[in-house]
Amino acid sequence: MEAFDWVHHHGLFARDPEQSGDCYFITRLGQQVLDATDGLAFVRAQQRLGVDLHPRIGERVRAQFLLGEYELAAFAASREVEIRVRELAAAGDSDIGVKLTRQAFAGGCPQADPALDGSAHDAVSTLFAGALGVFKNPAHTGRSPTPTRL
């Protein structure tokens, strides 16, 4: 019964509205799990993406993540963040990565939170610079980041 509840809770099958009694059918998600090379990994990936992602990131990375292409998903998400930071900072196309984030989040810039002090501005800048450095350029770290290592 526990397995039945788990499968039903994860939306892999549903009650058939055209039948009476306890009749069920395999949902589209259930069929995707059956067709997947590793169905359990597919279900776990779906759960990880059960959070609200910014639409700009979600539409770019969801399919890659569900396919298990974690490195590509991380790269695509990082790239979208970088593009958005560049837009908000009105920076040029040649401003990328660490240089871009250091400029964009420096104190006094439009993206900088005026309520934060200097060390907090530096921390935000470092956070974005580090994220772009690791996830947009995983070759520099010697290994590919995956969600299980986060």
Protein backbone atom coordinates (compact mmCIF):
# COMPACT_ATOMS: atom_id res chain seq x y z
CA MET A 1 0.00 0.00 0.00
CA GLU A 2 2.91 2.36 0.70
CA ALA A 3 4.23 1.88 -2.84
CA PHE A 4 0.76 2.48 -4.25
CA ASP A 5 0.46 5.73 -2.29
CA TRP A 6 3.96 6.86 -3.34
CA VAL A 7 3.28 6.30 -7.04
CA HIS A 8 -0.12 7.99 -6.81
CA HIS A 9 1.26 10.91 -4.78
CA HIS A 10 3.92 11.54 -7.44
CA GLY A 11 1.27 11.72 -10.15
CA LEU A 12 2.38 8.61 -12.04
CA PHE A 13 -1.16 7.33 -12.27
CA ALA A 14 -4.60 8.76 -11.59
CA ARG A 15 -8.17 7.67 -11.14
CA ASP A 16 -9.96 7.10 -14.43
CA PRO A 17 -12.97 9.45 -14.44
CA GLU A 18 -14.71 7.38 -17.12
CA GLN A 19 -14.71 4.22 -15.01
CA SER A 20 -16.48 3.40 -11.79
CA GLY A 21 -14.75 1.95 -8.78
CA ASP A 22 -11.01 1.78 -8.33
CA CYS A 23 -9.88 2.09 -11.94
CA TYR A 24 -6.66 3.95 -12.66
CA PHE A 25 -4.62 4.91 -15.70
CA ILE A 26 -0.97 5.79 -16.24
CA THR A 27 -0.55 9.55 -16.55
CA ARG A 28 1.65 11.30 -19.11
CA LEU A 29 4.21 11.78 -16.37
CA GLY A 30 3.95 8.10 -15.49
CA GLN A 31 4.57 7.19 -19.12
CA GLN A 32 7.64 9.46 -19.18
CA VAL A 33 8.96 7.69 -16.09
CA LEU A 34 8.36 4.30 -17.72
CA ASP A 35 10.16 5.44 -20.88
CA ALA A 36 13.11 6.95 -19.00
CA THR A 37 16.36 5.03 -18.72
CA ASP A 38 16.33 5.64 -14.97
CA GLY A 39 12.75 6.35 -13.92
CA LEU A 40 13.57 7.01 -10.28
CA ALA A 41 16.21 9.59 -11.24
CA PHE A 42 13.62 11.23 -13.49
CA VAL A 43 11.13 11.45 -10.59
CA ARG A 44 13.82 12.91 -8.31
CA ALA A 45 14.77 15.49 -10.94
CA GLN A 46 11.09 16.46 -11.22
CA GLN A 47 10.97 16.95 -7.46
CA ARG A 48 14.09 19.15 -7.49
CA LEU A 49 12.45 21.35 -10.09
CA GLY A 50 9.25 21.57 -8.09
CA VAL A 51 10.29 25.02 -6.92
CA ASP A 52 9.29 28.22 -8.61
CA LEU A 53 12.09 29.20 -10.95
CA HIS A 54 12.26 32.58 -12.59
CA PRO A 55 10.51 32.09 -15.97
CA ARG A 56 13.60 33.18 -17.84
CA ILE A 57 15.65 30.44 -16.18
CA GLY A 58 12.94 27.80 -15.95
CA GLU A 59 12.17 27.76 -19.66
CA ARG A 60 15.87 27.37 -20.48
CA VAL A 61 16.95 24.72 -17.98
CA ARG A 62 13.98 22.53 -17.08
CA ALA A 63 14.25 20.17 -20.06
CA GLN A 64 18.02 19.80 -19.70
CA PHE A 65 17.72 19.12 -16.00
CA LEU A 66 15.03 16.48 -16.51
CA LEU A 67 17.22 14.78 -19.11
CA GLY A 68 20.00 14.57 -16.52
CA GLU A 69 22.13 17.13 -18.35
CA TYR A 70 23.00 18.93 -15.13
CA GLU A 71 26.15 20.63 -16.39
CA LEU A 72 24.30 22.09 -19.37
CA ALA A 73 21.41 23.17 -17.15
CA ALA A 74 23.80 24.91 -14.74
CA PHE A 75 25.57 26.60 -17.65
CA ALA A 76 22.28 27.78 -19.20
CA ALA A 77 21.00 29.12 -15.88
CA SER A 78 24.27 30.94 -15.22
CA ARG A 79 24.24 32.40 -18.68
CA GLU A 80 20.70 33.73 -18.20
CA VAL A 81 21.72 35.31 -14.88
CA GLU A 82 24.74 36.90 -16.55
CA ILE A 83 22.62 38.27 -19.42
CA ARG A 84 20.08 39.74 -16.99
CA VAL A 85 22.79 41.33 -14.83
CA ARG A 86 24.34 42.84 -17.98
CA GLU A 87 20.94 44.26 -19.00
CA LEU A 88 20.22 45.75 -15.58
CA ALA A 89 23.71 47.23 -15.33
CA ALA A 90 23.51 48.60 -18.89
CA ALA A 91 26.90 47.01 -19.43
CA GLY A 92 28.49 46.27 -22.77
CA ASP A 93 28.67 42.88 -24.48
CA SER A 94 32.36 42.62 -23.62
CA ASP A 95 31.57 42.84 -19.89
CA ILE A 96 31.27 39.23 -18.75
CA GLY A 97 31.69 37.01 -15.72
CA VAL A 98 33.57 38.28 -12.71
CA LYS A 99 34.30 41.69 -14.24
CA LEU A 100 30.62 42.22 -14.99
CA THR A 101 29.38 41.17 -11.55
CA ARG A 102 32.00 43.21 -9.73
CA GLN A 103 30.90 46.30 -11.64
CA ALA A 104 27.18 45.56 -11.44
CA PHE A 105 27.08 44.96 -7.69
CA ALA A 106 29.57 47.55 -6.55
CA GLY A 107 28.28 50.13 -4.11
CA GLY A 108 26.55 53.03 -5.82
CA CYS A 109 25.47 51.05 -8.90
CA PRO A 110 21.74 50.77 -9.70
CA GLN A 111 21.63 47.06 -8.72
CA ALA A 112 23.30 47.68 -5.36
CA ASP A 113 20.92 47.60 -2.42
CA PRO A 114 21.30 50.99 -0.70
CA ALA A 115 20.37 49.40 2.65
CA LEU A 116 23.51 47.23 2.62
CA ASP A 117 26.85 48.35 3.93
CA GLY A 118 30.13 48.04 2.01
CA SER A 119 30.99 44.54 3.22
CA ALA A 120 27.53 43.29 2.30
CA HIS A 121 27.88 44.79 -1.20
CA ASP A 122 31.18 42.95 -1.53
CA ALA A 123 29.56 39.71 -0.35
CA VAL A 124 26.78 39.96 -2.97
CA SER A 125 29.33 40.73 -5.66
CA THR A 126 31.43 37.76 -4.58
CA LEU A 127 28.39 35.47 -4.51
CA PHE A 128 27.43 36.29 -8.10
CA ALA A 129 31.02 36.29 -9.35
CA GLY A 130 31.65 32.91 -7.72
CA ALA A 131 28.45 31.37 -9.03
CA LEU A 132 29.18 32.48 -12.58
CA GLY A 133 32.78 31.36 -12.28
CA VAL A 134 31.89 27.86 -11.12
CA PHE A 135 28.70 27.11 -13.01
CA LYS A 136 29.27 28.98 -16.23
CA ASN A 137 32.88 27.81 -16.54
CA PRO A 138 32.98 24.34 -14.92
CA ALA A 139 36.15 23.37 -16.82
CA HIS A 140 38.12 25.75 -14.59
CA THR A 141 37.14 23.82 -11.48
CA GLY A 142 38.39 20.47 -12.76
CA ARG A 143 35.00 18.81 -12.38
CA SER A 144 31.43 19.39 -13.41
CA PRO A 145 29.06 20.69 -10.74
CA THR A 146 25.93 18.63 -10.21
CA PRO A 147 22.92 19.21 -7.98
CA THR A 148 24.07 16.43 -5.64
CA ARG A 149 27.26 18.37 -4.89
CA LEU A 150 25.49 21.63 -4.09
